[in-house]
Amino acid sequence: MKYLISVIDAQTGLATTDEMAAIDSFNARLLADGHWVFAGGLGSPGTATVIDNRGAEAVFTDGPFLESKEYFAGFWIIEAPDPDVARKLAAEGSKHCNRRVELRPFLADPE
């Protein structure tokens, strides 16, 4: 099953050199152990664009959808055989990036 680990941040700066080294180490372990699917860092909330195309024309708004002190700074998409393994990996990710994370399973593909 695939899971999303979202990195929650409230800081204004990027990860430190030590944090980046720890994240790289964690990424390498995810890859080596077969849990890696994809990961990436995200730009700050100020770089966001919200798009609403539910009406007659698309509306583009600069800035984040929600005004909040905390925001998603990055993510991992992992493969784990069960929720316990996913929680363990998310806890390790939190430790390595030195930030809180949120773990959510992807919905199953309809078949």
PDB file of N, CA and C in Angstrom:
ATOM      1  N   MET A   1       0.835  -1.168   0.000  1.00  0.00           N
ATOM      2  CA  MET A   1       0.000   0.000   0.000  1.00  0.00           C
ATOM      3  C   MET A   1       0.886   1.239   0.000  1.00  0.00           C
ATOM      4  N   LYS A   2       0.435   2.269  -0.682  1.00  0.00           N
ATOM      5  CA  LYS A   2       1.190   3.518  -0.745  1.00  0.00           C
ATOM      6  C   LYS A   2       0.680   4.497   0.316  1.00  0.00           C
ATOM      7  N   TYR A   3       1.625   5.275   0.864  1.00  0.00           N
ATOM      8  CA  TYR A   3       1.327   6.264   1.886  1.00  0.00           C
ATOM      9  C   TYR A   3       1.999   7.581   1.528  1.00  0.00           C
ATOM     10  N   LEU A   4       1.374   8.676   1.951  1.00  0.00           N
ATOM     11  CA  LEU A   4       1.951  10.003   1.822  1.00  0.00           C
ATOM     12  C   LEU A   4       2.412  10.450   3.200  1.00  0.00           C
ATOM     13  N   ILE A   5       3.687  10.820   3.294  1.00  0.00           N
ATOM     14  CA  ILE A   5       4.220  11.427   4.510  1.00  0.00           C
ATOM     15  C   ILE A   5       4.451  12.897   4.174  1.00  0.00           C
ATOM     16  N   SER A   6       3.652  13.780   4.760  1.00  0.00           N
ATOM     17  CA  SER A   6       3.775  15.219   4.529  1.00  0.00           C
ATOM     18  C   SER A   6       4.609  15.834   5.634  1.00  0.00           C
ATOM     19  N   VAL A   7       5.584  16.626   5.261  1.00  0.00           N
ATOM     20  CA  VAL A   7       6.447  17.307   6.220  1.00  0.00           C
ATOM     21  C   VAL A   7       5.804  18.640   6.586  1.00  0.00           C
ATOM     22  N   ILE A   8       5.592  18.855   7.875  1.00  0.00           N
ATOM     23  CA  ILE A   8       4.945  20.070   8.370  1.00  0.00           C
ATOM     24  C   ILE A   8       6.021  21.005   8.912  1.00  0.00           C
ATOM     25  N   ASP A   9       5.996  22.243   8.455  1.00  0.00           N
ATOM     26  CA  ASP A   9       7.028  23.199   8.856  1.00  0.00           C
ATOM     27  C   ASP A   9       6.381  24.505   9.281  1.00  0.00           C
ATOM     28  N   ALA A  10       7.038  25.223  10.156  1.00  0.00           N
ATOM     29  CA  ALA A  10       6.609  26.557  10.555  1.00  0.00           C
ATOM     30  C   ALA A  10       7.796  27.509  10.527  1.00  0.00           C
ATOM     31  N   GLN A  11       8.892  27.034   9.990  1.00  0.00           N
ATOM     32  CA  GLN A  11      10.110  27.835   9.937  1.00  0.00           C
ATOM     33  C   GLN A  11      10.166  28.603   8.632  1.00  0.00           C
ATOM     34  N   THR A  12      10.961  29.634   8.621  1.00  0.00           N
ATOM     35  CA  THR A  12      11.082  30.425   7.396  1.00  0.00           C
ATOM     36  C   THR A  12      12.277  30.018   6.556  1.00  0.00           C
ATOM     37  N   GLY A  13      13.220  29.283   7.155  1.00  0.00           N
ATOM     38  CA  GLY A  13      14.419  28.897   6.426  1.00  0.00           C
ATOM     39  C   GLY A  13      14.330  27.474   5.909  1.00  0.00           C
ATOM     40  N   LEU A  14      15.257  27.148   5.056  1.00  0.00           N
ATOM     41  CA  LEU A  14      15.349  25.795   4.536  1.00  0.00           C
ATOM     42  C   LEU A  14      15.993  24.886   5.574  1.00  0.00           C
ATOM     43  N   ALA A  15      16.013  23.606   5.288  1.00  0.00           N
ATOM     44  CA  ALA A  15      16.674  22.654   6.174  1.00  0.00           C
ATOM     45  C   ALA A  15      18.157  23.008   6.292  1.00  0.00           C
ATOM     46  N   THR A  16      18.701  22.736   7.457  1.00  0.00           N
ATOM     47  CA  THR A  16      20.129  22.988   7.670  1.00  0.00           C
ATOM     48  C   THR A  16      20.950  21.939   6.918  1.00  0.00           C
ATOM     49  N   THR A  17      22.237  22.154   6.852  1.00  0.00           N
ATOM     50  CA  THR A  17      23.129  21.196   6.200  1.00  0.00           C
ATOM     51  C   THR A  17      23.044  19.833   6.882  1.00  0.00           C
ATOM     52  N   ASP A  18      23.009  19.811   8.212  1.00  0.00           N
ATOM     53  CA  ASP A  18      22.889  18.551   8.949  1.00  0.00           C
ATOM     54  C   ASP A  18      21.553  17.869   8.685  1.00  0.00           C
ATOM     55  N   GLU A  19      20.474  18.659   8.645  1.00  0.00           N
ATOM     56  CA  GLU A  19      19.149  18.091   8.352  1.00  0.00           C
ATOM     57  C   GLU A  19      19.113  17.512   6.939  1.00  0.00           C
ATOM     58  N   MET A  20      19.696  18.211   5.983  1.00  0.00           N
ATOM     59  CA  MET A  20      19.721  17.708   4.600  1.00  0.00           C
ATOM     60  C   MET A  20      20.509  16.404   4.506  1.00  0.00           C
ATOM     61  N   ALA A  21      21.620  16.311   5.229  1.00  0.00           N
ATOM     62  CA  ALA A  21      22.406  15.077   5.236  1.00  0.00           C
ATOM     63  C   ALA A  21      21.587  13.932   5.837  1.00  0.00           C
ATOM     64  N   ALA A  22      20.847  14.214   6.905  1.00  0.00           N
ATOM     65  CA  ALA A  22      20.004  13.178   7.526  1.00  0.00           C
ATOM     66  C   ALA A  22      18.874  12.764   6.592  1.00  0.00           C
ATOM     67  N   ILE A  23      18.281  13.722   5.902  1.00  0.00           N
ATOM     68  CA  ILE A  23      17.210  13.419   4.937  1.00  0.00           C
ATOM     69  C   ILE A  23      17.757  12.567   3.795  1.00  0.00           C
ATOM     70  N   ASP A  24      18.935  12.924   3.279  1.00  0.00           N
ATOM     71  CA  ASP A  24      19.558  12.136   2.207  1.00  0.00           C
ATOM     72  C   ASP A  24      19.815  10.702   2.666  1.00  0.00           C
ATOM     73  N   SER A  25      20.260  10.542   3.897  1.00  0.00           N
ATOM     74  CA  SER A  25      20.507   9.212   4.456  1.00  0.00           C
ATOM     75  C   SER A  25      19.207   8.412   4.557  1.00  0.00           C
ATOM     76  N   PHE A  26      18.153   9.067   5.027  1.00  0.00           N
ATOM     77  CA  PHE A  26      16.843   8.409   5.131  1.00  0.00           C
ATOM     78  C   PHE A  26      16.335   8.021   3.748  1.00  0.00           C
ATOM     79  N   ASN A  27      16.480   8.925   2.774  1.00  0.00           N
ATOM     80  CA  ASN A  27      16.052   8.627   1.402  1.00  0.00           C
ATOM     81  C   ASN A  27      16.791   7.405   0.854  1.00  0.00           C
ATOM     82  N   ALA A  28      18.087   7.339   1.093  1.00  0.00           N
ATOM     83  CA  ALA A  28      18.886   6.203   0.616  1.00  0.00           C
ATOM     84  C   ALA A  28      18.402   4.904   1.250  1.00  0.00           C
ATOM     85  N   ARG A  29      18.061   4.961   2.532  1.00  0.00           N
ATOM     86  CA  ARG A  29      17.562   3.755   3.205  1.00  0.00           C
ATOM     87  C   ARG A  29      16.197   3.341   2.653  1.00  0.00           C
ATOM     88  N   LEU A  30      15.303   4.313   2.420  1.00  0.00           N
ATOM     89  CA  LEU A  30      14.008   3.986   1.824  1.00  0.00           C
ATOM     90  C   LEU A  30      14.199   3.289   0.483  1.00  0.00           C
ATOM     91  N   LEU A  31      15.112   3.797  -0.311  1.00  0.00           N
ATOM     92  CA  LEU A  31      15.395   3.222  -1.621  1.00  0.00           C
ATOM     93  C   LEU A  31      15.961   1.809  -1.490  1.00  0.00           C
ATOM     94  N   ALA A  32      16.941   1.646  -0.624  1.00  0.00           N
ATOM     95  CA  ALA A  32      17.593   0.344  -0.446  1.00  0.00           C
ATOM     96  C   ALA A  32      16.631  -0.708   0.088  1.00  0.00           C
ATOM     97  N   ASP A  33      15.685  -0.295   0.940  1.00  0.00           N
ATOM     98  CA  ASP A  33      14.748  -1.245   1.555  1.00  0.00           C
ATOM     99  C   ASP A  33      13.467  -1.444   0.749  1.00  0.00           C
ATOM    100  N   GLY A  34      13.368  -0.796  -0.415  1.00  0.00           N
ATOM    101  CA  GLY A  34      12.216  -0.997  -1.287  1.00  0.00           C
ATOM    102  C   GLY A  34      10.973  -0.222  -0.907  1.00  0.00           C
ATOM    103  N   HIS A  35      11.105   0.807  -0.072  1.00  0.00           N
ATOM    104  CA  HIS A  35       9.946   1.606   0.340  1.00  0.00           C
ATOM    105  C   HIS A  35       9.794   2.878  -0.489  1.00  0.00           C
ATOM    106  N   TRP A  36      10.843   3.264  -1.198  1.00  0.00           N
ATOM    107  CA  TRP A  36      10.860   4.524  -1.948  1.00  0.00           C
ATOM    108  C   TRP A  36       9.902   4.474  -3.126  1.00  0.00           C
ATOM    109  N   VAL A  37       9.056   5.489  -3.264  1.00  0.00           N
ATOM    110  CA  VAL A  37       8.267   5.700  -4.469  1.00  0.00           C
ATOM    111  C   VAL A  37       8.653   7.048  -5.066  1.00  0.00           C
ATOM    112  N   PHE A  38       8.583   8.110  -4.257  1.00  0.00           N
ATOM    113  CA  PHE A  38       8.890   9.448  -4.734  1.00  0.00           C
ATOM    114  C   PHE A  38       8.980  10.379  -3.534  1.00  0.00           C
ATOM    115  N   ALA A  39       9.731  11.459  -3.647  1.00  0.00           N
ATOM    116  CA  ALA A  39       9.806  12.464  -2.595  1.00  0.00           C
ATOM    117  C   ALA A  39      10.170  13.803  -3.205  1.00  0.00           C
ATOM    118  N   GLY A  40       9.869  14.874  -2.490  1.00  0.00           N
ATOM    119  CA  GLY A  40      10.242  16.186  -2.969  1.00  0.00           C
ATOM    120  C   GLY A  40       9.994  17.259  -1.938  1.00  0.00           C
ATOM    121  N   GLY A  41      10.754  18.322  -2.053  1.00  0.00           N
ATOM    122  CA  GLY A  41      10.529  19.504  -1.229  1.00  0.00           C
ATOM    123  C   GLY A  41       9.632  20.467  -1.985  1.00  0.00           C
ATOM    124  N   LEU A  42       8.940  21.310  -1.247  1.00  0.00           N
ATOM    125  CA  LEU A  42       8.015  22.260  -1.852  1.00  0.00           C
ATOM    126  C   LEU A  42       8.476  23.694  -1.588  1.00  0.00           C
ATOM    127  N   GLY A  43       8.147  24.578  -2.511  1.00  0.00           N
ATOM    128  CA  GLY A  43       8.432  25.997  -2.310  1.00  0.00           C
ATOM    129  C   GLY A  43       7.626  26.538  -1.142  1.00  0.00           C
ATOM    130  N   SER A  44       7.998  27.683  -0.647  1.00  0.00           N
ATOM    131  CA  SER A  44       7.289  28.291   0.479  1.00  0.00           C
ATOM    132  C   SER A  44       5.852  28.632   0.073  1.00  0.00           C
ATOM    133  N   PRO A  45       4.970  28.830   1.050  1.00  0.00           N
ATOM    134  CA  PRO A  45       3.572  29.143   0.733  1.00  0.00           C
ATOM    135  C   PRO A  45       3.412  30.365  -0.169  1.00  0.00           C
ATOM    136  N   GLY A  46       4.337  31.304  -0.077  1.00  0.00           N
ATOM    137  CA  GLY A  46       4.257  32.488  -0.922  1.00  0.00           C
ATOM    138  C   GLY A  46       4.426  32.208  -2.406  1.00  0.00           C
ATOM    139  N   THR A  47       4.929  31.034  -2.756  1.00  0.00           N
ATOM    140  CA  THR A  47       5.102  30.676  -4.167  1.00  0.00           C
ATOM    141  C   THR A  47       3.878  29.951  -4.734  1.00  0.00           C
ATOM    142  N   ALA A  48       2.868  29.724  -3.896  1.00  0.00           N
ATOM    143  CA  ALA A  48       1.688  28.955  -4.308  1.00  0.00           C
ATOM    144  C   ALA A  48       0.754  29.781  -5.198  1.00  0.00           C
ATOM    145  N   THR A  49       0.016  29.075  -6.024  1.00  0.00           N
ATOM    146  CA  THR A  49      -1.082  29.646  -6.791  1.00  0.00           C
ATOM    147  C   THR A  49      -2.292  28.746  -6.582  1.00  0.00           C
ATOM    148  N   VAL A  50      -3.412  29.335  -6.208  1.00  0.00           N
ATOM    149  CA  VAL A  50      -4.655  28.576  -6.044  1.00  0.00           C
ATOM    150  C   VAL A  50      -5.471  28.776  -7.312  1.00  0.00           C
ATOM    151  N   ILE A  51      -5.960  27.679  -7.895  1.00  0.00           N
ATOM    152  CA  ILE A  51      -6.735  27.726  -9.128  1.00  0.00           C
ATOM    153  C   ILE A  51      -8.120  27.167  -8.855  1.00  0.00           C
ATOM    154  N   ASP A  52      -9.147  27.923  -9.222  1.00  0.00           N
ATOM    155  CA  ASP A  52     -10.537  27.465  -9.085  1.00  0.00           C
ATOM    156  C   ASP A  52     -11.184  27.554 -10.458  1.00  0.00           C
ATOM    157  N   ASN A  53     -11.406  26.394 -11.064  1.00  0.00           N
ATOM    158  CA  ASN A  53     -11.996  26.351 -12.400  1.00  0.00           C
ATOM    159  C   ASN A  53     -13.376  25.704 -12.353  1.00  0.00           C
ATOM    160  N   ARG A  54     -14.109  25.964 -11.277  1.00  0.00           N
ATOM    161  CA  ARG A  54     -15.459  25.398 -11.157  1.00  0.00           C
ATOM    162  C   ARG A  54     -16.505  26.264 -11.821  1.00  0.00           C
ATOM    163  N   GLY A  55     -16.171  27.496 -12.157  1.00  0.00           N
ATOM    164  CA  GLY A  55     -17.138  28.417 -12.756  1.00  0.00           C
ATOM    165  C   GLY A  55     -16.941  28.527 -14.249  1.00  0.00           C
ATOM    166  N   ALA A  56     -17.396  29.644 -14.797  1.00  0.00           N
ATOM    167  CA  ALA A  56     -17.307  29.876 -16.234  1.00  0.00           C
ATOM    168  C   ALA A  56     -15.860  30.041 -16.696  1.00  0.00           C
ATOM    169  N   GLU A  57     -15.022  30.629 -15.837  1.00  0.00           N
ATOM    170  CA  GLU A  57     -13.621  30.834 -16.161  1.00  0.00           C
ATOM    171  C   GLU A  57     -12.756  30.464 -14.967  1.00  0.00           C
ATOM    172  N   ALA A  58     -11.535  30.060 -15.247  1.00  0.00           N
ATOM    173  CA  ALA A  58     -10.600  29.738 -14.174  1.00  0.00           C
ATOM    174  C   ALA A  58     -10.173  31.022 -13.457  1.00  0.00           C
ATOM    175  N   VAL A  59     -10.107  30.944 -12.139  1.00  0.00           N
ATOM    176  CA  VAL A  59      -9.654  32.062 -11.326  1.00  0.00           C
ATOM    177  C   VAL A  59      -8.323  31.655 -10.693  1.00  0.00           C
ATOM    178  N   PHE A  60      -7.302  32.465 -10.874  1.00  0.00           N
ATOM    179  CA  PHE A  60      -5.972  32.207 -10.336  1.00  0.00           C
ATOM    180  C   PHE A  60      -5.697  33.229  -9.225  1.00  0.00           C
ATOM    181  N   THR A  61      -5.329  32.731  -8.061  1.00  0.00           N
ATOM    182  CA  THR A  61      -5.047  33.593  -6.916  1.00  0.00           C
ATOM    183  C   THR A  61      -3.650  33.287  -6.403  1.00  0.00           C
ATOM    184  N   ASP A  62      -2.818  34.318  -6.272  1.00  0.00           N
ATOM    185  CA  ASP A  62      -1.477  34.128  -5.721  1.00  0.00           C
ATOM    186  C   ASP A  62      -1.559  33.848  -4.233  1.00  0.00           C
ATOM    187  N   GLY A  63      -0.650  33.020  -3.782  1.00  0.00           N
ATOM    188  CA  GLY A  63      -0.549  32.730  -2.352  1.00  0.00           C
ATOM    189  C   GLY A  63      -1.243  31.449  -1.967  1.00  0.00           C
ATOM    190  N   PRO A  64      -1.066  31.041  -0.727  1.00  0.00           N
ATOM    191  CA  PRO A  64      -1.597  29.758  -0.277  1.00  0.00           C
ATOM    192  C   PRO A  64      -3.115  29.773  -0.139  1.00  0.00           C
ATOM    193  N   PHE A  65      -3.702  28.598  -0.198  1.00  0.00           N
ATOM    194  CA  PHE A  65      -5.145  28.437  -0.018  1.00  0.00           C
ATOM    195  C   PHE A  65      -5.541  28.825   1.394  1.00  0.00           C
ATOM    196  N   LEU A  66      -4.774  28.381   2.363  1.00  0.00           N
ATOM    197  CA  LEU A  66      -5.044  28.679   3.767  1.00  0.00           C
ATOM    198  C   LEU A  66      -3.953  29.581   4.321  1.00  0.00           C
ATOM    199  N   GLU A  67      -4.332  30.560   5.091  1.00  0.00           N
ATOM    200  CA  GLU A  67      -3.368  31.366   5.827  1.00  0.00           C
ATOM    201  C   GLU A  67      -3.082  30.622   7.118  1.00  0.00           C
ATOM    202  N   SER A  68      -1.864  30.204   7.295  1.00  0.00           N
ATOM    203  CA  SER A  68      -1.510  29.403   8.451  1.00  0.00           C
ATOM    204  C   SER A  68      -0.045  29.597   8.787  1.00  0.00           C
ATOM    205  N   LYS A  69       0.280  29.431  10.048  1.00  0.00           N
ATOM    206  CA  LYS A  69       1.675  29.508  10.480  1.00  0.00           C
ATOM    207  C   LYS A  69       2.443  28.280   9.989  1.00  0.00           C
ATOM    208  N   GLU A  70       1.753  27.150   9.922  1.00  0.00           N
ATOM    209  CA  GLU A  70       2.377  25.900   9.472  1.00  0.00           C
ATOM    210  C   GLU A  70       1.975  25.613   8.031  1.00  0.00           C
ATOM    211  N   TYR A  71       2.835  24.892   7.343  1.00  0.00           N
ATOM    212  CA  TYR A  71       2.568  24.554   5.947  1.00  0.00           C
ATOM    213  C   TYR A  71       3.298  23.269   5.595  1.00  0.00           C
ATOM    214  N   PHE A  72       2.925  22.667   4.469  1.00  0.00           N
ATOM    215  CA  PHE A  72       3.614  21.480   3.982  1.00  0.00           C
ATOM    216  C   PHE A  72       4.881  21.917   3.261  1.00  0.00           C
ATOM    217  N   ALA A  73       6.015  21.438   3.759  1.00  0.00           N
ATOM    218  CA  ALA A  73       7.304  21.834   3.210  1.00  0.00           C
ATOM    219  C   ALA A  73       7.871  20.797   2.249  1.00  0.00           C
ATOM    220  N   GLY A  74       7.357  19.597   2.296  1.00  0.00           N
ATOM    221  CA  GLY A  74       7.854  18.522   1.447  1.00  0.00           C
ATOM    222  C   GLY A  74       7.068  17.260   1.724  1.00  0.00           C
ATOM    223  N   PHE A  75       7.457  16.188   1.059  1.00  0.00           N
ATOM    224  CA  PHE A  75       6.702  14.949   1.212  1.00  0.00           C
ATOM    225  C   PHE A  75       7.523  13.758   0.753  1.00  0.00           C
ATOM    226  N   TRP A  76       7.105  12.607   1.230  1.00  0.00           N
ATOM    227  CA  TRP A  76       7.562  11.318   0.717  1.00  0.00           C
ATOM    228  C   TRP A  76       6.330  10.533   0.326  1.00  0.00           C
ATOM    229  N   ILE A  77       6.422   9.802  -0.736  1.00  0.00           N
ATOM    230  CA  ILE A  77       5.428   8.772  -1.051  1.00  0.00           C
ATOM    231  C   ILE A  77       6.173   7.459  -0.887  1.00  0.00           C
ATOM    232  N   ILE A  78       5.655   6.632  -0.004  1.00  0.00           N
ATOM    233  CA  ILE A  78       6.329   5.374   0.317  1.00  0.00           C
ATOM    234  C   ILE A  78       5.415   4.195   0.033  1.00  0.00           C
ATOM    235  N   GLU A  79       6.010   3.044  -0.064  1.00  0.00           N
ATOM    236  CA  GLU A  79       5.304   1.770  -0.175  1.00  0.00           C
ATOM    237  C   GLU A  79       5.588   1.020   1.114  1.00  0.00           C
ATOM    238  N   ALA A  80       4.534   0.560   1.790  1.00  0.00           N
ATOM    239  CA  ALA A  80       4.699  -0.199   3.027  1.00  0.00           C
ATOM    240  C   ALA A  80       3.665  -1.322   3.055  1.00  0.00           C
ATOM    241  N   PRO A  81       4.021  -2.480   3.611  1.00  0.00           N
ATOM    242  CA  PRO A  81       3.113  -3.615   3.600  1.00  0.00           C
ATOM    243  C   PRO A  81       1.919  -3.458   4.539  1.00  0.00           C
ATOM    244  N   ASP A  82       2.052  -2.574   5.547  1.00  0.00           N
ATOM    245  CA  ASP A  82       0.947  -2.394   6.496  1.00  0.00           C
ATOM    246  C   ASP A  82       1.121  -1.062   7.228  1.00  0.00           C
ATOM    247  N   PRO A  83       0.061  -0.616   7.931  1.00  0.00           N
ATOM    248  CA  PRO A  83       0.122   0.681   8.621  1.00  0.00           C
ATOM    249  C   PRO A  83       1.218   0.765   9.682  1.00  0.00           C
ATOM    250  N   ASP A  84       1.533  -0.335  10.349  1.00  0.00           N
ATOM    251  CA  ASP A  84       2.577  -0.293  11.376  1.00  0.00           C
ATOM    252  C   ASP A  84       3.938   0.052  10.777  1.00  0.00           C
ATOM    253  N   VAL A  85       4.276  -0.555   9.657  1.00  0.00           N
ATOM    254  CA  VAL A  85       5.543  -0.243   8.982  1.00  0.00           C
ATOM    255  C   VAL A  85       5.522   1.206   8.503  1.00  0.00           C
ATOM    256  N   ALA A  86       4.395   1.653   7.958  1.00  0.00           N
ATOM    257  CA  ALA A  86       4.282   3.034   7.483  1.00  0.00           C
ATOM    258  C   ALA A  86       4.476   4.016   8.636  1.00  0.00           C
ATOM    259  N   ARG A  87       3.884   3.742   9.784  1.00  0.00           N
ATOM    260  CA  ARG A  87       4.045   4.626  10.950  1.00  0.00           C
ATOM    261  C   ARG A  87       5.505   4.664  11.409  1.00  0.00           C
ATOM    262  N   LYS A  88       6.150   3.505  11.403  1.00  0.00           N
ATOM    263  CA  LYS A  88       7.562   3.445  11.808  1.00  0.00           C
ATOM    264  C   LYS A  88       8.424   4.282  10.857  1.00  0.00           C
ATOM    265  N   LEU A  89       8.182   4.145   9.564  1.00  0.00           N
ATOM    266  CA  LEU A  89       8.941   4.917   8.583  1.00  0.00           C
ATOM    267  C   LEU A  89       8.652   6.410   8.712  1.00  0.00           C
ATOM    268  N   ALA A  90       7.399   6.777   8.951  1.00  0.00           N
ATOM    269  CA  ALA A  90       7.048   8.187   9.129  1.00  0.00           C
ATOM    270  C   ALA A  90       7.744   8.758  10.361  1.00  0.00           C
ATOM    271  N   ALA A  91       7.819   7.973  11.435  1.00  0.00           N
ATOM    272  CA  ALA A  91       8.506   8.427  12.651  1.00  0.00           C
ATOM    273  C   ALA A  91       9.988   8.654  12.364  1.00  0.00           C
ATOM    274  N   GLU A  92      10.592   7.769  11.578  1.00  0.00           N
ATOM    275  CA  GLU A  92      12.002   7.947  11.210  1.00  0.00           C
ATOM    276  C   GLU A  92      12.169   9.183  10.330  1.00  0.00           C
ATOM    277  N   GLY A  93      11.235   9.397   9.404  1.00  0.00           N
ATOM    278  CA  GLY A  93      11.295  10.585   8.553  1.00  0.00           C
ATOM    279  C   GLY A  93      11.212  11.863   9.379  1.00  0.00           C
ATOM    280  N   SER A  94      10.336  11.875  10.379  1.00  0.00           N
ATOM    281  CA  SER A  94      10.208  13.028  11.264  1.00  0.00           C
ATOM    282  C   SER A  94      11.520  13.301  11.990  1.00  0.00           C
ATOM    283  N   LYS A  95      12.141  12.247  12.462  1.00  0.00           N
ATOM    284  CA  LYS A  95      13.416  12.383  13.172  1.00  0.00           C
ATOM    285  C   LYS A  95      14.492  12.929  12.238  1.00  0.00           C
ATOM    286  N   HIS A  96      14.562  12.376  11.024  1.00  0.00           N
ATOM    287  CA  HIS A  96      15.619  12.776  10.085  1.00  0.00           C
ATOM    288  C   HIS A  96      15.453  14.208   9.583  1.00  0.00           C
ATOM    289  N   CYS A  97      14.219  14.649   9.339  1.00  0.00           N
ATOM    290  CA  CYS A  97      14.044  16.018   8.825  1.00  0.00           C
ATOM    291  C   CYS A  97      13.841  17.031   9.947  1.00  0.00           C
ATOM    292  N   ASN A  98      13.726  16.535  11.187  1.00  0.00           N
ATOM    293  CA  ASN A  98      13.597  17.398  12.359  1.00  0.00           C
ATOM    294  C   ASN A  98      12.342  18.269  12.300  1.00  0.00           C
ATOM    295  N   ARG A  99      11.260  17.651  11.820  1.00  0.00           N
ATOM    296  CA  ARG A  99       9.974  18.343  11.722  1.00  0.00           C
ATOM    297  C   ARG A  99       8.849  17.341  11.965  1.00  0.00           C
ATOM    298  N   ARG A 100       7.672  17.859  12.290  1.00  0.00           N
ATOM    299  CA  ARG A 100       6.512  16.976  12.413  1.00  0.00           C
ATOM    300  C   ARG A 100       6.110  16.515  11.018  1.00  0.00           C
ATOM    301  N   VAL A 101       5.490  15.340  10.963  1.00  0.00           N
ATOM    302  CA  VAL A 101       4.984  14.837   9.690  1.00  0.00           C
ATOM    303  C   VAL A 101       3.559  14.326   9.884  1.00  0.00           C
ATOM    304  N   GLU A 102       2.843  14.238   8.792  1.00  0.00           N
ATOM    305  CA  GLU A 102       1.510  13.645   8.771  1.00  0.00           C
ATOM    306  C   GLU A 102       1.548  12.453   7.836  1.00  0.00           C
ATOM    307  N   LEU A 103       0.994  11.321   8.275  1.00  0.00           N
ATOM    308  CA  LEU A 103       0.951  10.097   7.474  1.00  0.00           C
ATOM    309  C   LEU A 103      -0.481   9.836   7.045  1.00  0.00           C
ATOM    310  N   ARG A 104      -0.660   9.603   5.745  1.00  0.00           N
ATOM    311  CA  ARG A 104      -2.004   9.283   5.227  1.00  0.00           C
ATOM    312  C   ARG A 104      -1.873   8.216   4.140  1.00  0.00           C
ATOM    313  N   PRO A 105      -2.754   7.215   4.179  1.00  0.00           N
ATOM    314  CA  PRO A 105      -2.735   6.219   3.117  1.00  0.00           C
ATOM    315  C   PRO A 105      -3.415   6.767   1.857  1.00  0.00           C
ATOM    316  N   PHE A 106      -2.943   6.304   0.713  1.00  0.00           N
ATOM    317  CA  PHE A 106      -3.638   6.599  -0.526  1.00  0.00           C
ATOM    318  C   PHE A 106      -4.879   5.727  -0.593  1.00  0.00           C
ATOM    319  N   LEU A 107      -5.917   6.213  -1.233  1.00  0.00           N
ATOM    320  CA  LEU A 107      -7.115   5.393  -1.443  1.00  0.00           C
ATOM    321  C   LEU A 107      -6.774   4.277  -2.422  1.00  0.00           C
ATOM    322  N   ALA A 108      -7.389   3.147  -2.234  1.00  0.00           N
ATOM    323  CA  ALA A 108      -7.147   1.996  -3.111  1.00  0.00           C
ATOM    324  C   ALA A 108      -7.672   2.295  -4.506  1.00  0.00           C
ATOM    325  N   ASP A 109      -6.959   1.796  -5.506  1.00  0.00           N
ATOM    326  CA  ASP A 109      -7.425   1.938  -6.886  1.00  0.00           C
ATOM    327  C   ASP A 109      -8.687   1.112  -7.068  1.00  0.00           C
ATOM    328  N   PRO A 110      -9.731   1.676  -7.674  1.00  0.00           N
ATOM    329  CA  PRO A 110     -10.936   0.880  -7.930  1.00  0.00           C
ATOM    330  C   PRO A 110     -10.656  -0.160  -9.014  1.00  0.00           C
ATOM    331  N   GLU A 111     -10.951  -1.370  -8.686  1.00  0.00           N
ATOM    332  CA  GLU A 111     -10.711  -2.448  -9.672  1.00  0.00           C
ATOM    333  C   GLU A 111     -11.883  -3.377  -9.729  1.00  0.00           C
TER     334      GLU A 111
END
